[in-house]
Amino acid sequence: MKLILGKIIQTKQRRQTILKYIWSNELKFFTDFNFIQKNKQTNRLTLAGIYPLWLNIATNEQTKYIVEKIETLFLFDGSLVTIISKQSTQQWDYPNGWAPLQYIAYRSLIQISDYKNLARIIRQRWMSLNERVFKETGKMMEKYDVVNINKPADGGEYKTQDGFEWTNGVYLQMLYDQQLELEFNLFFFFISMKYYRIKISYRQYISTKKRNVN
């Protein structure tokens, strides 16, 4: 019991520390903490700022601000860019999108009822881009250009790799989730149809019975 209480206290303290040091009241987003210039946050918005949502650390108000920026600044035709700044040529940065962060963003939002539709949009755009490139090249890629979906991803210290296990894994998990949702919806559709037929049959039975009585 003492160990459990200690873990709970430790978890609360860790959450408070995260909210204190990486939430930017100015940007209304979670940002990196600058360890070189102490007590200072970076001023860059990156998709990594969604991790506190995934871990259920963010407050409802913070979540609202984050989702607003995800939808208006990060989301493009091919899904989510990693960073919105266009001044970098690093391989993780604009206009590129990467499977792990797509999945973290998608999983963060799908667990919140108000943002499930946005999560599905992210999932569908990312899967569609994966499928489109695969049809053209026969390959799954390490990263994708999510802004210019007709162009191959570029930038960084080496050429874009193909194959790629985390892209494969994220795609398969999203596909599984999509199929599960479809099966779930079909199940409830058939249940509701069965209920509707029973209801109609019951009404017909009552109506017939009343006529026979009269």
N, C-alpha and C. Protein backbone atom coordinates (compact mmCIF):
# COMPACT_ATOMS: atom_id res chain seq x y z
N MET A 1 0.83 -1.21 0.00
CA MET A 1 0.00 0.00 0.00
C MET A 1 0.86 1.26 0.00
N LYS A 2 1.90 1.23 0.83
CA LYS A 2 2.80 2.37 0.91
C LYS A 2 3.49 2.61 -0.43
N LEU A 3 3.87 1.50 -1.09
CA LEU A 3 4.53 1.60 -2.39
C LEU A 3 3.58 2.20 -3.43
N ILE A 4 2.31 1.78 -3.40
CA ILE A 4 1.32 2.29 -4.35
C ILE A 4 1.10 3.79 -4.15
N LEU A 5 0.96 4.20 -2.88
CA LEU A 5 0.77 5.62 -2.58
C LEU A 5 1.97 6.45 -3.03
N GLY A 6 3.16 5.87 -2.83
CA GLY A 6 4.38 6.55 -3.27
C GLY A 6 4.40 6.76 -4.77
N LYS A 7 3.94 5.75 -5.52
CA LYS A 7 3.89 5.85 -6.98
C LYS A 7 2.88 6.90 -7.42
N ILE A 8 1.75 6.96 -6.73
CA ILE A 8 0.72 7.96 -7.06
C ILE A 8 1.25 9.37 -6.84
N ILE A 9 1.92 9.57 -5.71
CA ILE A 9 2.50 10.88 -5.41
C ILE A 9 3.56 11.25 -6.44
N GLN A 10 4.39 10.27 -6.78
CA GLN A 10 5.45 10.50 -7.77
C GLN A 10 4.86 10.87 -9.13
N THR A 11 3.79 10.20 -9.50
CA THR A 11 3.12 10.48 -10.77
C THR A 11 2.55 11.90 -10.80
N LYS A 12 1.91 12.31 -9.71
CA LYS A 12 1.36 13.66 -9.62
C LYS A 12 2.46 14.72 -9.70
N GLN A 13 3.57 14.45 -9.01
CA GLN A 13 4.68 15.40 -9.04
C GLN A 13 5.27 15.52 -10.44
N ARG A 14 5.38 14.39 -11.11
CA ARG A 14 5.92 14.40 -12.48
C ARG A 14 5.00 15.18 -13.41
N ARG A 15 3.71 14.98 -13.27
CA ARG A 15 2.74 15.71 -14.09
C ARG A 15 2.85 17.21 -13.84
N GLN A 16 2.93 17.60 -12.59
CA GLN A 16 3.04 19.02 -12.24
C GLN A 16 4.32 19.64 -12.82
N THR A 17 5.40 18.86 -12.80
CA THR A 17 6.68 19.34 -13.33
C THR A 17 6.59 19.54 -14.84
N ILE A 18 5.96 18.59 -15.52
CA ILE A 18 5.79 18.70 -16.97
C ILE A 18 4.96 19.93 -17.32
N LEU A 19 3.86 20.11 -16.61
CA LEU A 19 2.99 21.26 -16.88
C LEU A 19 3.71 22.58 -16.59
N LYS A 20 4.56 22.57 -15.59
CA LYS A 20 5.28 23.78 -15.20
C LYS A 20 6.34 24.17 -16.21
N TYR A 21 7.10 23.19 -16.68
CA TYR A 21 8.29 23.51 -17.48
C TYR A 21 8.11 23.45 -18.99
N ILE A 22 7.14 22.72 -19.49
CA ILE A 22 7.05 22.63 -20.95
C ILE A 22 5.74 23.17 -21.53
N TRP A 23 4.80 23.58 -20.67
CA TRP A 23 3.62 24.26 -21.22
C TRP A 23 3.93 25.74 -21.39
N SER A 24 3.72 26.23 -22.61
CA SER A 24 3.96 27.64 -22.91
C SER A 24 2.64 28.41 -22.87
N ASN A 25 2.52 29.30 -21.90
CA ASN A 25 1.32 30.15 -21.83
C ASN A 25 1.24 31.12 -23.00
N GLU A 26 2.41 31.45 -23.54
CA GLU A 26 2.46 32.38 -24.67
C GLU A 26 1.99 31.71 -25.96
N LEU A 27 2.51 30.50 -26.23
CA LEU A 27 2.18 29.79 -27.46
C LEU A 27 0.94 28.91 -27.33
N LYS A 28 0.52 28.66 -26.09
CA LYS A 28 -0.60 27.76 -25.82
C LYS A 28 -0.33 26.37 -26.41
N PHE A 29 0.86 25.86 -26.08
CA PHE A 29 1.30 24.58 -26.64
C PHE A 29 2.41 24.04 -25.75
N PHE A 30 2.60 22.72 -25.79
CA PHE A 30 3.74 22.13 -25.10
C PHE A 30 4.98 22.24 -25.99
N THR A 31 6.05 22.80 -25.45
CA THR A 31 7.28 22.99 -26.23
C THR A 31 8.46 22.36 -25.50
N ASP A 32 9.58 22.26 -26.20
CA ASP A 32 10.80 21.72 -25.58
C ASP A 32 11.34 22.69 -24.53
N PHE A 33 11.97 22.13 -23.51
CA PHE A 33 12.62 22.96 -22.49
C PHE A 33 14.09 23.10 -22.85
N ASN A 34 14.57 24.32 -22.85
CA ASN A 34 15.95 24.62 -23.23
C ASN A 34 16.87 24.43 -22.01
N PHE A 35 17.65 23.36 -22.02
CA PHE A 35 18.53 23.05 -20.89
C PHE A 35 19.79 23.91 -20.88
N ILE A 36 20.12 24.51 -22.02
CA ILE A 36 21.31 25.37 -22.09
C ILE A 36 20.99 26.73 -21.48
N GLN A 37 19.89 27.31 -21.93
CA GLN A 37 19.41 28.55 -21.32
C GLN A 37 18.33 28.18 -20.31
N LYS A 38 18.72 28.02 -19.08
CA LYS A 38 17.82 27.48 -18.05
C LYS A 38 16.60 28.37 -17.87
N ASN A 39 15.52 27.71 -17.44
CA ASN A 39 14.24 28.37 -17.20
C ASN A 39 13.70 29.06 -18.45
N LYS A 40 13.99 28.45 -19.59
CA LYS A 40 13.50 29.02 -20.84
C LYS A 40 13.01 27.91 -21.75
N GLN A 41 11.87 28.14 -22.38
CA GLN A 41 11.32 27.19 -23.33
C GLN A 41 11.69 27.61 -24.75
N THR A 42 11.70 26.64 -25.64
CA THR A 42 11.91 26.98 -27.05
C THR A 42 10.64 27.62 -27.59
N ASN A 43 10.76 28.31 -28.69
CA ASN A 43 9.58 28.97 -29.28
C ASN A 43 9.11 28.27 -30.54
N ARG A 44 9.47 27.00 -30.69
CA ARG A 44 9.08 26.24 -31.87
C ARG A 44 7.92 25.30 -31.56
N LEU A 45 6.97 25.29 -32.46
CA LEU A 45 5.86 24.35 -32.33
C LEU A 45 6.20 23.08 -33.10
N THR A 46 6.25 21.96 -32.40
CA THR A 46 6.51 20.68 -33.05
C THR A 46 5.42 19.69 -32.64
N LEU A 47 5.26 18.67 -33.44
CA LEU A 47 4.22 17.68 -33.18
C LEU A 47 4.48 16.90 -31.89
N ALA A 48 5.71 16.96 -31.40
CA ALA A 48 6.01 16.32 -30.11
C ALA A 48 5.19 16.91 -28.98
N GLY A 49 4.65 18.11 -29.20
CA GLY A 49 3.83 18.76 -28.19
C GLY A 49 2.54 18.04 -27.88
N ILE A 50 2.22 17.01 -28.65
CA ILE A 50 0.98 16.27 -28.41
C ILE A 50 1.17 15.11 -27.43
N TYR A 51 2.41 14.80 -27.08
CA TYR A 51 2.66 13.68 -26.16
C TYR A 51 1.90 13.79 -24.84
N PRO A 52 1.81 14.97 -24.22
CA PRO A 52 1.05 15.05 -22.96
C PRO A 52 -0.43 14.67 -23.11
N LEU A 53 -1.00 14.82 -24.31
CA LEU A 53 -2.36 14.36 -24.54
C LEU A 53 -2.40 12.84 -24.53
N TRP A 54 -1.43 12.24 -25.18
CA TRP A 54 -1.33 10.79 -25.25
C TRP A 54 -1.23 10.18 -23.85
N LEU A 55 -0.53 10.87 -22.96
CA LEU A 55 -0.32 10.39 -21.60
C LEU A 55 -1.37 10.88 -20.62
N ASN A 56 -2.39 11.59 -21.13
CA ASN A 56 -3.47 12.13 -20.29
C ASN A 56 -2.95 13.08 -19.22
N ILE A 57 -1.97 13.87 -19.56
CA ILE A 57 -1.39 14.85 -18.64
C ILE A 57 -2.02 16.22 -18.81
N ALA A 58 -2.36 16.57 -20.04
CA ALA A 58 -2.87 17.91 -20.34
C ALA A 58 -4.23 18.15 -19.71
N THR A 59 -4.48 19.39 -19.34
CA THR A 59 -5.80 19.79 -18.84
C THR A 59 -6.77 19.91 -20.02
N ASN A 60 -8.04 20.03 -19.73
CA ASN A 60 -9.04 20.18 -20.79
C ASN A 60 -8.80 21.46 -21.60
N GLU A 61 -8.44 22.53 -20.91
CA GLU A 61 -8.18 23.79 -21.60
C GLU A 61 -6.95 23.68 -22.50
N GLN A 62 -5.88 23.05 -21.98
CA GLN A 62 -4.67 22.86 -22.78
C GLN A 62 -4.96 21.99 -24.00
N THR A 63 -5.74 20.95 -23.79
CA THR A 63 -6.11 20.05 -24.88
C THR A 63 -6.82 20.81 -25.99
N LYS A 64 -7.71 21.70 -25.62
CA LYS A 64 -8.45 22.50 -26.60
C LYS A 64 -7.51 23.35 -27.44
N TYR A 65 -6.55 24.00 -26.81
CA TYR A 65 -5.58 24.83 -27.53
C TYR A 65 -4.72 23.97 -28.47
N ILE A 66 -4.27 22.83 -27.97
CA ILE A 66 -3.40 21.96 -28.76
C ILE A 66 -4.13 21.45 -29.99
N VAL A 67 -5.34 20.96 -29.80
CA VAL A 67 -6.11 20.41 -30.92
C VAL A 67 -6.38 21.48 -31.97
N GLU A 68 -6.66 22.68 -31.53
CA GLU A 68 -6.89 23.79 -32.46
C GLU A 68 -5.67 24.02 -33.36
N LYS A 69 -4.48 23.96 -32.76
CA LYS A 69 -3.25 24.17 -33.55
C LYS A 69 -2.94 22.96 -34.43
N ILE A 70 -3.21 21.78 -33.92
CA ILE A 70 -3.01 20.57 -34.73
C ILE A 70 -3.85 20.66 -36.00
N GLU A 71 -5.08 21.09 -35.84
CA GLU A 71 -6.01 21.13 -36.97
C GLU A 71 -5.71 22.27 -37.94
N THR A 72 -5.26 23.41 -37.43
CA THR A 72 -5.09 24.59 -38.29
C THR A 72 -3.66 24.79 -38.80
N LEU A 73 -2.66 24.29 -38.06
CA LEU A 73 -1.26 24.54 -38.42
C LEU A 73 -0.51 23.29 -38.89
N PHE A 74 -0.84 22.14 -38.33
CA PHE A 74 -0.07 20.93 -38.62
C PHE A 74 -0.70 20.03 -39.69
N LEU A 75 -2.00 20.11 -39.85
CA LEU A 75 -2.70 19.16 -40.72
C LEU A 75 -2.69 19.61 -42.18
N PHE A 76 -2.19 18.70 -43.04
CA PHE A 76 -2.15 18.96 -44.49
C PHE A 76 -2.78 17.78 -45.23
N ASP A 77 -2.73 17.82 -46.54
CA ASP A 77 -3.40 16.79 -47.35
C ASP A 77 -2.90 15.38 -47.05
N GLY A 78 -1.61 15.28 -46.70
CA GLY A 78 -1.05 13.96 -46.43
C GLY A 78 -1.00 13.60 -44.96
N SER A 79 -1.57 14.43 -44.12
CA SER A 79 -1.64 14.28 -42.66
C SER A 79 -0.78 15.33 -41.97
N LEU A 80 -0.03 14.98 -40.93
CA LEU A 80 0.58 15.97 -40.04
C LEU A 80 2.07 16.18 -40.30
N VAL A 81 2.47 17.46 -40.38
CA VAL A 81 3.90 17.77 -40.44
C VAL A 81 4.47 17.69 -39.03
N THR A 82 5.78 17.45 -38.94
CA THR A 82 6.43 17.34 -37.64
C THR A 82 6.64 18.70 -37.01
N ILE A 83 6.99 19.68 -37.82
CA ILE A 83 7.26 21.03 -37.33
C ILE A 83 6.71 22.02 -38.35
N ILE A 84 6.16 23.13 -37.89
CA ILE A 84 5.52 24.05 -38.83
C ILE A 84 6.49 25.04 -39.45
N SER A 85 7.66 25.21 -38.84
CA SER A 85 8.66 26.13 -39.39
C SER A 85 9.17 25.62 -40.73
N LYS A 86 9.28 26.51 -41.71
CA LYS A 86 9.74 26.14 -43.05
C LYS A 86 11.22 26.46 -43.24
N GLN A 87 11.91 26.84 -42.18
CA GLN A 87 13.29 27.30 -42.29
C GLN A 87 14.32 26.19 -42.07
N SER A 88 13.88 24.99 -41.84
CA SER A 88 14.80 23.88 -41.58
C SER A 88 14.88 22.95 -42.77
N THR A 89 16.04 22.34 -42.95
CA THR A 89 16.20 21.31 -43.99
C THR A 89 16.47 19.95 -43.36
N GLN A 90 16.26 19.83 -42.05
CA GLN A 90 16.46 18.56 -41.37
C GLN A 90 15.37 17.57 -41.78
N GLN A 91 15.71 16.30 -41.76
CA GLN A 91 14.82 15.31 -42.36
C GLN A 91 13.50 15.11 -41.60
N TRP A 92 13.48 15.43 -40.31
CA TRP A 92 12.24 15.27 -39.56
C TRP A 92 11.29 16.46 -39.76
N ASP A 93 11.79 17.52 -40.34
CA ASP A 93 11.05 18.78 -40.32
C ASP A 93 10.19 19.00 -41.57
N TYR A 94 9.50 20.15 -41.58
CA TYR A 94 8.60 20.54 -42.66
C TYR A 94 9.29 20.36 -44.02
N PRO A 95 8.63 19.75 -45.01
CA PRO A 95 7.22 19.35 -45.06
C PRO A 95 6.99 17.86 -44.79
N ASN A 96 7.89 17.25 -44.05
CA ASN A 96 7.84 15.81 -43.87
C ASN A 96 6.96 15.37 -42.70
N GLY A 97 6.41 14.17 -42.85
CA GLY A 97 5.65 13.53 -41.79
C GLY A 97 6.19 12.13 -41.56
N TRP A 98 6.14 11.71 -40.30
CA TRP A 98 6.72 10.42 -39.90
C TRP A 98 5.69 9.58 -39.17
N ALA A 99 5.75 8.28 -39.42
CA ALA A 99 4.74 7.36 -38.89
C ALA A 99 4.59 7.40 -37.37
N PRO A 100 5.68 7.38 -36.58
CA PRO A 100 5.50 7.34 -35.12
C PRO A 100 4.68 8.51 -34.58
N LEU A 101 4.96 9.72 -35.08
CA LEU A 101 4.24 10.89 -34.59
C LEU A 101 2.81 10.95 -35.12
N GLN A 102 2.58 10.41 -36.32
CA GLN A 102 1.20 10.31 -36.80
C GLN A 102 0.39 9.44 -35.85
N TYR A 103 1.01 8.35 -35.44
CA TYR A 103 0.29 7.41 -34.57
C TYR A 103 0.04 7.99 -33.19
N ILE A 104 1.04 8.68 -32.62
CA ILE A 104 0.86 9.29 -31.31
C ILE A 104 -0.26 10.33 -31.36
N ALA A 105 -0.28 11.14 -32.40
CA ALA A 105 -1.33 12.16 -32.54
C ALA A 105 -2.70 11.50 -32.72
N TYR A 106 -2.75 10.52 -33.59
CA TYR A 106 -4.01 9.80 -33.84
C TYR A 106 -4.52 9.12 -32.57
N ARG A 107 -3.64 8.43 -31.87
CA ARG A 107 -4.04 7.71 -30.66
C ARG A 107 -4.44 8.68 -29.55
N SER A 108 -3.77 9.83 -29.49
CA SER A 108 -4.11 10.84 -28.47
C SER A 108 -5.52 11.36 -28.66
N LEU A 109 -5.92 11.56 -29.92
CA LEU A 109 -7.20 12.18 -30.21
C LEU A 109 -8.35 11.18 -30.25
N ILE A 110 -8.08 9.96 -30.66
CA ILE A 110 -9.15 8.97 -30.79
C ILE A 110 -9.71 8.58 -29.43
N GLN A 111 -8.94 8.80 -28.37
CA GLN A 111 -9.40 8.44 -27.03
C GLN A 111 -10.25 9.55 -26.39
N ILE A 112 -10.40 10.70 -27.08
CA ILE A 112 -11.20 11.81 -26.57
C ILE A 112 -12.43 11.95 -27.47
N SER A 113 -13.60 11.79 -26.90
CA SER A 113 -14.83 11.72 -27.70
C SER A 113 -15.03 12.93 -28.61
N ASP A 114 -14.67 14.12 -28.14
CA ASP A 114 -14.89 15.34 -28.93
C ASP A 114 -13.97 15.43 -30.15
N TYR A 115 -12.90 14.64 -30.17
CA TYR A 115 -11.90 14.78 -31.23
C TYR A 115 -11.71 13.50 -32.04
N LYS A 116 -12.65 12.57 -31.92
CA LYS A 116 -12.54 11.31 -32.67
C LYS A 116 -12.57 11.54 -34.18
N ASN A 117 -13.40 12.47 -34.63
CA ASN A 117 -13.49 12.73 -36.07
C ASN A 117 -12.17 13.26 -36.63
N LEU A 118 -11.52 14.15 -35.88
CA LEU A 118 -10.21 14.65 -36.31
C LEU A 118 -9.20 13.52 -36.35
N ALA A 119 -9.25 12.64 -35.37
CA ALA A 119 -8.35 11.48 -35.35
C ALA A 119 -8.55 10.62 -36.59
N ARG A 120 -9.79 10.43 -36.98
CA ARG A 120 -10.09 9.62 -38.17
C ARG A 120 -9.60 10.31 -39.45
N ILE A 121 -9.69 11.63 -39.49
CA ILE A 121 -9.17 12.37 -40.65
C ILE A 121 -7.66 12.17 -40.76
N ILE A 122 -6.96 12.29 -39.64
CA ILE A 122 -5.51 12.07 -39.61
C ILE A 122 -5.19 10.66 -40.08
N ARG A 123 -5.91 9.70 -39.57
CA ARG A 123 -5.69 8.29 -39.95
C ARG A 123 -5.92 8.08 -41.43
N GLN A 124 -7.02 8.61 -41.95
CA GLN A 124 -7.36 8.38 -43.35
C GLN A 124 -6.36 9.05 -44.29
N ARG A 125 -5.94 10.27 -43.97
CA ARG A 125 -4.99 10.97 -44.85
C ARG A 125 -3.64 10.28 -44.86
N TRP A 126 -3.20 9.82 -43.69
CA TRP A 126 -1.90 9.14 -43.63
C TRP A 126 -1.95 7.81 -44.37
N MET A 127 -3.00 7.04 -44.15
CA MET A 127 -3.13 5.76 -44.83
C MET A 127 -3.24 5.95 -46.34
N SER A 128 -3.99 6.94 -46.76
CA SER A 128 -4.15 7.20 -48.20
C SER A 128 -2.83 7.57 -48.85
N LEU A 129 -2.02 8.36 -48.15
CA LEU A 129 -0.70 8.74 -48.68
C LEU A 129 0.20 7.52 -48.77
N ASN A 130 0.20 6.69 -47.74
CA ASN A 130 0.98 5.44 -47.76
C ASN A 130 0.58 4.58 -48.95
N GLU A 131 -0.73 4.42 -49.15
CA GLU A 131 -1.24 3.57 -50.22
C GLU A 131 -0.90 4.14 -51.60
N ARG A 132 -1.01 5.45 -51.72
CA ARG A 132 -0.74 6.12 -52.99
C ARG A 132 0.71 5.93 -53.42
N VAL A 133 1.63 6.16 -52.47
CA VAL A 133 3.05 6.01 -52.77
C VAL A 133 3.39 4.54 -53.05
N PHE A 134 2.75 3.64 -52.31
CA PHE A 134 3.01 2.21 -52.53
C PHE A 134 2.57 1.78 -53.93
N LYS A 135 1.43 2.29 -54.38
CA LYS A 135 0.96 1.95 -55.72
C LYS A 135 1.90 2.47 -56.80
N GLU A 136 2.52 3.62 -56.54
CA GLU A 136 3.43 4.22 -57.52
C GLU A 136 4.82 3.60 -57.50
N THR A 137 5.28 3.19 -56.31
CA THR A 137 6.68 2.74 -56.17
C THR A 137 6.82 1.28 -55.76
N GLY A 138 5.76 0.70 -55.22
CA GLY A 138 5.85 -0.65 -54.69
C GLY A 138 6.55 -0.70 -53.34
N LYS A 139 6.68 0.47 -52.68
CA LYS A 139 7.44 0.54 -51.42
C LYS A 139 6.68 1.35 -50.37
N MET A 140 6.93 0.99 -49.11
CA MET A 140 6.55 1.83 -47.98
C MET A 140 7.79 2.62 -47.59
N MET A 141 7.63 3.90 -47.27
CA MET A 141 8.76 4.79 -47.05
C MET A 141 9.01 5.10 -45.58
N GLU A 142 10.23 5.54 -45.31
CA GLU A 142 10.61 5.97 -43.96
C GLU A 142 9.86 7.22 -43.55
N LYS A 143 9.72 8.15 -44.48
CA LYS A 143 9.01 9.41 -44.24
C LYS A 143 8.30 9.82 -45.52
N TYR A 144 7.38 10.78 -45.38
CA TYR A 144 6.57 11.23 -46.52
C TYR A 144 6.45 12.75 -46.51
N ASP A 145 6.36 13.31 -47.70
CA ASP A 145 6.05 14.73 -47.82
C ASP A 145 4.53 14.86 -47.69
N VAL A 146 4.07 15.37 -46.56
CA VAL A 146 2.63 15.43 -46.31
C VAL A 146 2.01 16.73 -46.83
N VAL A 147 2.84 17.67 -47.25
CA VAL A 147 2.35 18.95 -47.78
C VAL A 147 2.17 18.85 -49.29
N ASN A 148 3.21 18.41 -49.97
CA ASN A 148 3.18 18.22 -51.43
C ASN A 148 3.10 16.72 -51.70
N ILE A 149 1.91 16.18 -51.69
CA ILE A 149 1.76 14.72 -51.71
C ILE A 149 2.17 14.09 -53.04
N ASN A 150 2.41 14.92 -54.06
CA ASN A 150 2.88 14.39 -55.34
C ASN A 150 4.40 14.32 -55.42
N LYS A 151 5.07 14.80 -54.37
CA LYS A 151 6.54 14.80 -54.35
C LYS A 151 7.05 13.77 -53.34
N PRO A 152 8.20 13.15 -53.63
CA PRO A 152 8.81 12.26 -52.63
C PRO A 152 9.41 13.09 -51.50
N ALA A 153 9.45 12.52 -50.31
CA ALA A 153 10.04 13.22 -49.17
C ALA A 153 11.53 13.42 -49.39
N ASP A 154 12.06 14.52 -48.85
CA ASP A 154 13.47 14.86 -49.05
C ASP A 154 13.98 15.54 -47.79
N GLY A 155 15.29 15.84 -47.80
CA GLY A 155 15.89 16.56 -46.68
C GLY A 155 16.59 15.63 -45.71
N GLY A 156 17.63 16.16 -45.06
CA GLY A 156 18.33 15.35 -44.08
C GLY A 156 19.69 14.90 -44.55
N GLU A 157 20.32 14.09 -43.70
CA GLU A 157 21.70 13.70 -43.96
C GLU A 157 21.84 12.46 -44.83
N TYR A 158 20.73 11.82 -45.18
CA TYR A 158 20.80 10.67 -46.08
C TYR A 158 19.50 10.58 -46.88
N LYS A 159 19.53 9.78 -47.94
CA LYS A 159 18.35 9.63 -48.80
C LYS A 159 17.23 8.91 -48.04
N THR A 160 16.02 9.20 -48.47
CA THR A 160 14.86 8.55 -47.85
C THR A 160 14.96 7.04 -47.99
N GLN A 161 14.81 6.35 -46.88
CA GLN A 161 14.89 4.90 -46.87
C GLN A 161 13.52 4.29 -47.17
N ASP A 162 13.54 3.13 -47.80
CA ASP A 162 12.28 2.44 -48.04
C ASP A 162 12.25 1.15 -47.23
N GLY A 163 11.10 0.60 -47.15
CA GLY A 163 10.99 -0.66 -46.42
C GLY A 163 9.93 -0.61 -45.36
N PHE A 164 9.64 0.31 -44.61
CA PHE A 164 10.22 0.73 -43.36
C PHE A 164 9.32 0.23 -42.23
N GLU A 165 9.91 -0.39 -41.23
CA GLU A 165 9.12 -1.16 -40.26
C GLU A 165 8.12 -0.32 -39.48
N TRP A 166 8.52 0.89 -39.02
CA TRP A 166 7.54 1.62 -38.22
C TRP A 166 6.41 2.17 -39.09
N THR A 167 6.70 2.44 -40.36
CA THR A 167 5.62 2.83 -41.27
C THR A 167 4.67 1.66 -41.49
N ASN A 168 5.23 0.48 -41.69
CA ASN A 168 4.41 -0.72 -41.86
C ASN A 168 3.54 -0.98 -40.64
N GLY A 169 4.17 -0.88 -39.46
CA GLY A 169 3.46 -1.17 -38.22
C GLY A 169 2.32 -0.20 -37.96
N VAL A 170 2.58 1.09 -38.16
CA VAL A 170 1.54 2.10 -37.94
C VAL A 170 0.40 1.92 -38.93
N TYR A 171 0.74 1.67 -40.19
CA TYR A 171 -0.31 1.47 -41.19
C TYR A 171 -1.19 0.28 -40.83
N LEU A 172 -0.57 -0.83 -40.44
CA LEU A 172 -1.34 -2.03 -40.10
C LEU A 172 -2.23 -1.80 -38.88
N GLN A 173 -1.72 -1.07 -37.89
CA GLN A 173 -2.53 -0.80 -36.70
C GLN A 173 -3.71 0.11 -37.04
N MET A 174 -3.46 1.12 -37.86
CA MET A 174 -4.56 2.00 -38.27
C MET A 174 -5.59 1.24 -39.09
N LEU A 175 -5.12 0.36 -39.96
CA LEU A 175 -6.03 -0.45 -40.77
C LEU A 175 -6.88 -1.35 -39.88
N TYR A 176 -6.24 -1.94 -38.87
CA TYR A 176 -6.96 -2.79 -37.92
C TYR A 176 -8.03 -1.99 -37.18
N ASP A 177 -7.66 -0.80 -36.71
CA ASP A 177 -8.62 0.06 -36.00
C ASP A 177 -9.80 0.43 -36.90
N GLN A 178 -9.49 0.73 -38.15
CA GLN A 178 -10.52 1.11 -39.12
C GLN A 178 -11.51 -0.04 -39.34
N GLN A 179 -10.98 -1.25 -39.51
CA GLN A 179 -11.82 -2.41 -39.73
C GLN A 179 -12.65 -2.74 -38.49
N LEU A 180 -12.04 -2.56 -37.32
CA LEU A 180 -12.74 -2.81 -36.06
C LEU A 180 -13.92 -1.85 -35.90
N GLU A 181 -13.71 -0.59 -36.24
CA GLU A 181 -14.79 0.40 -36.18
C GLU A 181 -15.92 0.03 -37.14
N LEU A 182 -15.54 -0.42 -38.34
CA LEU A 182 -16.55 -0.80 -39.33
C LEU A 182 -17.38 -1.98 -38.83
N GLU A 183 -16.70 -2.99 -38.28
CA GLU A 183 -17.41 -4.16 -37.76
C GLU A 183 -18.32 -3.76 -36.59
N PHE A 184 -17.83 -2.88 -35.75
CA PHE A 184 -18.60 -2.40 -34.60
C PHE A 184 -19.85 -1.67 -35.06
N ASN A 185 -19.69 -0.81 -36.06
CA ASN A 185 -20.83 -0.05 -36.59
C ASN A 185 -21.84 -0.96 -37.28
N LEU A 186 -21.33 -1.95 -38.03
CA LEU A 186 -22.22 -2.90 -38.69
C LEU A 186 -23.00 -3.73 -37.68
N PHE A 187 -22.33 -4.11 -36.59
CA PHE A 187 -22.98 -4.90 -35.54
C PHE A 187 -24.16 -4.12 -34.96
N PHE A 188 -23.93 -2.85 -34.62
CA PHE A 188 -25.00 -2.05 -34.04
C PHE A 188 -26.08 -1.71 -35.07
N PHE A 189 -25.68 -1.64 -36.34
CA PHE A 189 -26.68 -1.42 -37.39
C PHE A 189 -27.64 -2.60 -37.45
N PHE A 190 -27.09 -3.82 -37.45
CA PHE A 190 -27.94 -5.01 -37.52
C PHE A 190 -28.77 -5.18 -36.26
N ILE A 191 -28.19 -4.84 -35.10
CA ILE A 191 -28.94 -4.91 -33.85
C ILE A 191 -30.12 -3.92 -33.87
N SER A 192 -29.85 -2.70 -34.35
CA SER A 192 -30.91 -1.69 -34.40
C SER A 192 -32.00 -2.08 -35.41
N MET A 193 -31.58 -2.70 -36.54
CA MET A 193 -32.55 -3.15 -37.53
C MET A 193 -33.43 -4.26 -36.96
N LYS A 194 -32.79 -5.16 -36.20
CA LYS A 194 -33.54 -6.26 -35.58
C LYS A 194 -34.55 -5.71 -34.57
N TYR A 195 -34.09 -4.73 -33.78
CA TYR A 195 -34.98 -4.09 -32.80
C TYR A 195 -36.14 -3.40 -33.51
N TYR A 196 -35.83 -2.73 -34.61
CA TYR A 196 -36.86 -2.02 -35.37
C TYR A 196 -37.91 -3.00 -35.90
N ARG A 197 -37.45 -4.15 -36.41
CA ARG A 197 -38.38 -5.15 -36.95
C ARG A 197 -39.26 -5.73 -35.84
N ILE A 198 -38.64 -5.98 -34.68
CA ILE A 198 -39.40 -6.50 -33.54
C ILE A 198 -40.46 -5.49 -33.12
N LYS A 199 -40.06 -4.22 -33.11
CA LYS A 199 -40.98 -3.15 -32.72
C LYS A 199 -42.15 -3.06 -33.69
N ILE A 200 -41.87 -3.14 -34.99
CA ILE A 200 -42.92 -3.10 -36.02
C ILE A 200 -43.83 -4.32 -35.88
N SER A 201 -43.23 -5.49 -35.68
CA SER A 201 -44.01 -6.72 -35.54
C SER A 201 -44.93 -6.65 -34.33
N TYR A 202 -44.41 -6.09 -33.25
CA TYR A 202 -45.21 -5.95 -32.02
C TYR A 202 -46.39 -5.01 -32.25
N ARG A 203 -46.14 -3.90 -32.94
CA ARG A 203 -47.22 -2.96 -33.23
C ARG A 203 -48.29 -3.60 -34.11
N GLN A 204 -47.83 -4.37 -35.09
CA GLN A 204 -48.77 -5.06 -35.97
C GLN A 204 -49.60 -6.08 -35.19
N TYR A 205 -48.94 -6.76 -34.26
CA TYR A 205 -49.62 -7.75 -33.42
C TYR A 205 -50.70 -7.08 -32.57
N ILE A 206 -50.34 -5.96 -31.93
CA ILE A 206 -51.29 -5.23 -31.09
C ILE A 206 -52.46 -4.72 -31.92
N SER A 207 -52.14 -4.21 -33.12
CA SER A 207 -53.19 -3.68 -34.00
C SER A 207 -54.15 -4.78 -34.42
N THR A 208 -53.60 -5.94 -34.77
CA THR A 208 -54.43 -7.08 -35.18
C THR A 208 -55.30 -7.56 -34.02
N LYS A 209 -54.72 -7.60 -32.85
CA LYS A 209 -55.44 -8.05 -31.66
C LYS A 209 -56.61 -7.13 -31.35
N LYS A 210 -56.38 -5.81 -31.49
CA LYS A 210 -57.45 -4.85 -31.24
C LYS A 210 -58.59 -5.01 -32.24
N ARG A 211 -58.24 -5.26 -33.51
CA ARG A 211 -59.27 -5.45 -34.53
C ARG A 211 -60.10 -6.70 -34.25
N ASN A 212 -59.43 -7.75 -33.80
CA ASN A 212 -60.13 -9.00 -33.49
C ASN A 212 -61.08 -8.83 -32.32
N VAL A 213 -60.65 -8.03 -31.36
CA VAL A 213 -61.50 -7.77 -30.18
C VAL A 213 -62.74 -6.99 -30.59
N ASN A 214 -62.53 -6.01 -31.47
CA ASN A 214 -63.67 -5.21 -31.93
C ASN A 214 -64.59 -6.03 -32.85
